[in-house]
Protein backbone atom coordinates (compact mmCIF):
# COMPACT_ATOMS: atom_id res chain seq x y z
CA MET A 1 -79.80 30.61 162.92
CA THR A 2 -80.41 34.30 162.55
CA PRO A 3 -81.78 34.82 166.11
CA ALA A 4 -78.85 32.86 167.49
CA ARG A 5 -76.32 34.95 165.61
CA LYS A 6 -77.99 38.18 166.88
CA VAL A 7 -77.41 36.97 170.46
CA ASN A 8 -73.88 35.60 169.76
CA PRO A 9 -72.32 36.50 166.45
CA ARG A 10 -69.59 34.00 167.05
CA VAL A 11 -71.96 31.02 167.34
CA ARG A 12 -71.22 28.11 165.00
CA PHE A 13 -73.74 25.60 163.68
CA ILE A 14 -72.49 22.11 162.84
CA LEU A 15 -74.67 19.54 161.05
CA LYS A 16 -73.90 15.91 161.80
CA TYR A 17 -75.01 13.67 159.02
CA PRO A 18 -75.98 10.17 160.01
CA CYS A 19 -74.51 7.08 158.28
CA TRP A 20 -77.36 7.06 155.70
CA TYR A 21 -75.66 7.68 152.38
CA ASP A 22 -78.21 5.90 150.22
CA GLU A 23 -81.10 7.46 152.14
CA TYR A 24 -80.06 11.11 152.69
CA TYR A 25 -82.52 12.53 150.19
CA SER A 26 -85.42 10.23 151.09
CA ARG A 27 -85.02 11.29 154.75
CA GLY A 28 -84.98 14.97 154.01
CA TYR A 29 -81.31 15.80 153.76
CA ASP A 30 -79.97 17.92 150.91
CA VAL A 31 -76.31 17.35 151.58
CA ILE A 32 -74.87 19.80 149.08
CA ARG A 33 -77.07 22.78 150.02
CA GLU A 34 -76.93 22.06 153.73
CA SER A 35 -73.20 21.76 153.73
CA ASP A 36 -73.02 25.26 152.25
CA PHE A 37 -75.53 26.64 154.71
CA PHE A 38 -73.91 25.34 157.95
CA ASP A 39 -70.64 26.49 159.46
CA GLY A 40 -69.38 22.94 159.73
CA VAL A 41 -70.30 19.39 159.03
CA TRP A 42 -69.47 15.99 160.55
CA VAL A 43 -70.40 12.58 159.28
CA GLY A 44 -71.51 9.46 161.09
CA THR A 45 -69.18 6.60 160.29
CA GLU A 46 -70.95 4.18 162.62
CA THR A 47 -71.16 0.96 160.77
CA ARG A 48 -72.32 -2.29 162.41
CA ASP A 49 -71.18 -5.87 162.21
CA PRO A 50 -71.41 -6.62 158.45
CA ASP A 51 -73.60 -9.72 159.08
CA CYS A 52 -76.19 -7.67 161.05
CA SER A 53 -79.34 -7.80 158.86
CA ALA A 54 -81.09 -5.34 161.20
CA ALA A 55 -78.48 -2.68 160.30
CA GLY A 56 -78.71 -3.49 156.57
CA SER A 57 -75.63 -5.71 156.24
CA ILE A 58 -73.58 -2.66 155.22
CA PRO A 59 -69.87 -3.24 154.61
CA GLN A 60 -67.37 -1.49 156.89
CA THR A 61 -65.88 0.39 153.95
CA GLN A 62 -69.01 2.58 153.85
CA ALA A 63 -67.44 4.51 156.75
CA SER A 64 -64.34 5.52 154.79
CA PHE A 65 -66.46 6.18 151.67
CA LEU A 66 -68.73 8.55 153.57
CA MET A 67 -65.80 10.27 155.30
CA GLY A 68 -64.05 10.89 151.97
CA TRP A 69 -67.27 11.90 150.23
CA MET A 70 -68.02 14.51 152.85
CA ASN A 71 -64.47 15.82 152.69
CA CYS A 72 -65.02 16.33 148.95
CA ILE A 73 -68.36 18.08 149.37
CA ALA A 74 -67.30 20.35 152.27
CA PRO A 75 -63.46 20.30 152.30
CA GLU A 76 -63.03 23.32 154.54
CA LYS A 77 -66.01 22.56 156.77
CA CYS A 78 -65.83 18.83 157.43
CA GLY A 79 -64.55 18.42 160.92
CA GLY A 80 -64.46 14.61 161.07
CA GLY A 81 -66.41 11.47 161.75
CA TRP A 82 -67.98 9.80 164.74
CA TYR A 83 -68.82 6.23 165.50
CA ASP A 84 -70.18 4.14 168.36
CA PRO A 85 -70.03 0.61 169.76
CA LEU A 86 -73.65 -0.21 169.11
CA GLY A 87 -74.22 -3.54 167.34
CA THR A 88 -70.49 -4.21 167.05
CA SER A 89 -67.98 -6.72 168.10
CA PRO A 90 -64.69 -5.33 169.43
CA ALA A 91 -62.93 -5.95 166.10
CA VAL A 92 -65.70 -4.13 164.18
CA PHE A 93 -65.67 -1.22 166.60
CA VAL A 94 -61.97 -0.73 166.03
CA GLU A 95 -62.53 -1.13 162.28
CA GLN A 96 -64.99 1.86 162.41
CA ALA A 97 -62.15 3.92 163.79
CA ARG A 98 -59.76 2.79 161.06
CA GLU A 99 -62.26 3.41 158.29
CA THR A 100 -62.98 6.94 159.60
CA ILE A 101 -59.22 7.68 159.57
CA LEU A 102 -58.70 6.13 156.18
CA GLY A 103 -61.54 8.33 154.86
CA GLY A 104 -59.51 11.41 155.81
CA ALA A 105 -61.14 12.46 159.01
CA ARG A 106 -59.40 15.39 160.68
CA GLU A 107 -60.87 14.34 163.96
CA SER A 108 -62.49 11.16 165.21
CA LEU A 109 -65.12 11.15 167.95
CA LEU A 110 -66.18 8.26 170.06
CA HIS A 111 -69.87 8.75 170.55
CA CYS A 112 -71.45 8.27 173.98
CA PHE A 113 -68.80 7.22 176.45
CA ASP A 114 -71.26 5.53 178.74
CA TYR A 115 -71.75 2.86 176.09
CA LEU A 116 -68.08 2.05 176.34
CA ALA A 117 -68.10 2.00 180.11
CA SER A 118 -70.74 -0.74 180.18
CA SER A 119 -69.38 -4.14 181.25
CA ARG A 120 -72.62 -5.92 180.66
CA LYS A 121 -74.78 -6.55 177.71
CA GLY A 122 -78.07 -4.72 177.69
CA ILE A 123 -80.18 -1.84 176.58
CA ALA A 124 -78.79 1.67 176.48
CA VAL A 125 -80.95 4.56 177.45
CA PHE A 126 -80.90 5.95 173.91
CA ASN A 127 -84.56 5.42 172.89
CA GLY A 128 -84.67 2.21 174.96
CA ASP A 129 -83.87 -0.02 172.02
CA THR A 130 -80.16 0.34 171.44
CA ASP A 131 -78.19 -2.82 171.94
CA VAL A 132 -74.88 -2.41 173.75
CA ARG A 133 -73.20 -5.74 173.10
CA ASN A 134 -69.61 -5.31 174.12
CA GLY A 135 -69.12 -1.80 175.39
CA PHE A 136 -66.27 -2.45 177.85
CA LEU A 137 -64.63 -5.00 175.47
CA ASP A 138 -64.90 -2.56 172.54
CA ALA A 139 -63.14 0.08 174.72
CA GLN A 140 -60.39 -2.32 175.58
CA ALA A 141 -59.85 -3.31 171.91
CA PHE A 142 -59.74 0.46 171.04
CA LEU A 143 -57.17 1.25 173.70
CA HIS A 144 -55.00 -1.58 172.38
CA GLU A 145 -55.05 -0.02 168.87
CA VAL A 146 -55.02 3.67 169.76
CA SER A 147 -51.38 4.30 169.13
CA GLY A 148 -51.72 2.85 165.60
CA LEU A 149 -54.85 4.87 165.04
CA GLN A 150 -53.00 8.07 166.03
C-alpha cells in the first residue's frame, strides 16, 4: 500500500471479505486486524439455495449475520455487502438482497451483471466451474422486488 500511496495519496484500499465466516482464520484472514489496516471493507453476502450441499447447506440468515457482524467490527469502514445469482433460485437470489439489507448494509452490490443477463443455464467464465442456473429469471425477480428493497 505504501508504494501506491506515494503515487496517489488519495488512493483507497477496500478489502472484500468472502462469505466464509466460519473459515476466515483457517483461510488466512484476520478480520479484526485487517479491518483496521484497510481504508474500507465489504462483505460477501452471497448465500446459495439452502439445500445445496455443495455450498454447505448454509441458511440464508448467514448473509444478515455477516453484514451485521462486519458493521460491528468496522462501523465507519463497512461500505456494504455484495451477492450474486450463482447456485440460486430466483426467490433465494432476492432473499440474499433482503438479508444484506436487514444486516444493515449501507450499499448493496449485485456482483457480475453478465450472470444476470444470461437467459440460459450454463457455465460462467469465472474459473469455468460456476453454475449460472437462473440468471435472467433472478434478475426479473429482483426487479419485481426492487422498490421494496429500496
